[in-house]
Protein backbone atom coordinates (compact mmCIF):
# COMPACT_ATOMS: atom_id res chain seq x y z
CA UNK A 1 174.21 282.38 -66.30
CA UNK A 2 172.68 278.84 -67.45
CA UNK A 3 174.43 275.51 -68.15
CA UNK A 4 173.86 273.19 -70.74
CA UNK A 5 175.28 269.60 -70.88
CA UNK A 6 175.80 268.15 -74.07
CA UNK A 7 177.02 264.37 -74.57
CA UNK A 8 178.03 261.76 -77.01
CA UNK A 9 179.72 258.87 -77.38
CA UNK A 10 183.20 259.77 -77.58
CA UNK A 11 182.72 263.66 -76.40
CA UNK A 12 184.29 265.42 -79.90
CA UNK A 13 182.27 265.17 -82.67
CA UNK A 14 178.47 265.08 -82.44
CA UNK A 15 178.52 266.66 -79.47
CA UNK A 16 180.45 269.61 -80.84
CA UNK A 17 178.19 270.11 -83.72
CA UNK A 18 175.20 270.11 -81.11
CA UNK A 19 177.00 272.78 -79.36
CA UNK A 20 177.37 274.78 -82.26
CA UNK A 21 173.91 274.71 -83.24
CA UNK A 22 172.45 275.51 -79.77
CA UNK A 23 174.96 278.31 -79.26
CA UNK A 24 173.97 280.05 -82.58
CA UNK A 25 170.59 279.99 -81.31
CA UNK A 26 171.13 281.03 -77.49
CA UNK A 27 173.14 283.75 -79.11
CA UNK A 28 170.05 285.09 -81.43
CA UNK A 29 167.48 284.46 -78.33
CA UNK A 30 169.75 286.73 -76.22
CA UNK A 31 170.09 283.55 -73.39
CA UNK A 32 173.43 283.60 -71.72
CA UNK A 33 174.34 280.11 -71.65
CA UNK A 34 177.61 277.64 -70.93
CA UNK A 35 178.42 274.28 -72.56
CA UNK A 36 179.96 271.27 -70.53
CA UNK A 37 180.83 268.51 -72.81
CA UNK A 38 181.27 265.09 -72.19
CA UNK A 39 180.86 261.53 -72.67
CA UNK A 40 177.51 259.65 -72.10
CA UNK A 41 179.73 257.48 -69.34
CA UNK A 42 180.90 260.85 -67.87
CA UNK A 43 177.36 262.12 -67.38
CA UNK A 44 176.43 261.26 -63.95
CA UNK A 45 179.60 262.57 -61.98
CA UNK A 46 179.06 265.98 -64.57
CA UNK A 47 175.95 266.01 -63.56
CA UNK A 48 176.84 265.90 -59.52
CA UNK A 49 179.84 268.71 -60.61
CA UNK A 50 178.37 271.12 -62.77
CA UNK A 51 174.51 271.19 -62.17
CA UNK A 52 173.22 271.65 -65.38
CA UNK A 53 170.05 272.94 -66.01
CA UNK A 54 169.44 270.85 -69.02
CA UNK A 55 171.31 267.54 -70.91
CA UNK A 56 171.23 267.26 -74.73
CA UNK A 57 172.59 264.01 -75.62
CA UNK A 58 173.22 263.35 -79.42
CA UNK A 59 172.16 259.68 -78.59
CA UNK A 60 170.58 257.19 -76.57
CA UNK A 61 171.15 258.49 -73.10
CA UNK A 62 169.81 256.47 -69.39
CA UNK A 63 167.75 258.68 -67.77
CA UNK A 64 168.66 257.50 -64.67
CA UNK A 65 172.22 259.07 -65.63
CA UNK A 66 170.58 262.55 -65.49
CA UNK A 67 169.87 262.95 -61.85
CA UNK A 68 166.35 264.27 -62.66
CA UNK A 69 167.87 266.83 -65.12
CA UNK A 70 165.66 267.49 -67.93
CA UNK A 71 166.61 265.55 -70.94
CA UNK A 72 166.31 267.40 -74.91
CA UNK A 73 167.43 264.67 -77.43
CA UNK A 74 169.89 266.32 -79.48
CA UNK A 75 169.81 263.71 -82.14
CA UNK A 76 168.33 266.12 -84.57
CA UNK A 77 171.31 268.45 -84.10
CA UNK A 78 173.44 265.60 -86.34
CA UNK A 79 170.40 264.66 -88.72
CA UNK A 80 169.08 268.26 -89.14
CA UNK A 81 165.12 266.75 -88.76
CA UNK A 82 163.53 268.56 -85.81
CA UNK A 83 166.15 270.79 -84.74
CA UNK A 84 163.87 273.85 -84.39
CA UNK A 85 161.16 271.88 -82.19
CA UNK A 86 164.72 270.96 -79.95
CA UNK A 87 165.92 274.26 -79.83
CA UNK A 88 162.41 275.85 -78.86
CA UNK A 89 162.13 272.79 -75.83
CA UNK A 90 165.48 274.14 -74.65
CA UNK A 91 164.75 277.76 -74.82
CA UNK A 92 161.77 276.55 -72.64
CA UNK A 93 163.77 274.47 -69.92
CA UNK A 94 166.39 277.64 -69.66
CA UNK A 95 163.70 280.30 -69.54
CA UNK A 96 161.09 278.68 -66.88
């Protein structure tokens, strides 16, 4: 099972919106995923503990916090602009 770390400033509102959109897309694509949700400040610890396949921040995330894990910007899941492209990028990372 693939693992997606979705993070935002408070670990609740915007990351939950992003997770719902990603979850629906992954179900349509028949890709089994697990989600981990956290605050930006918790990313390094969550990367070390959870070993996600991709990180989807809903805002600005310092790349050094990702520990080499691919990042797909998730702001589009809040604005609605570019969400299809981000979903394709996430799928590409997960199906490599």
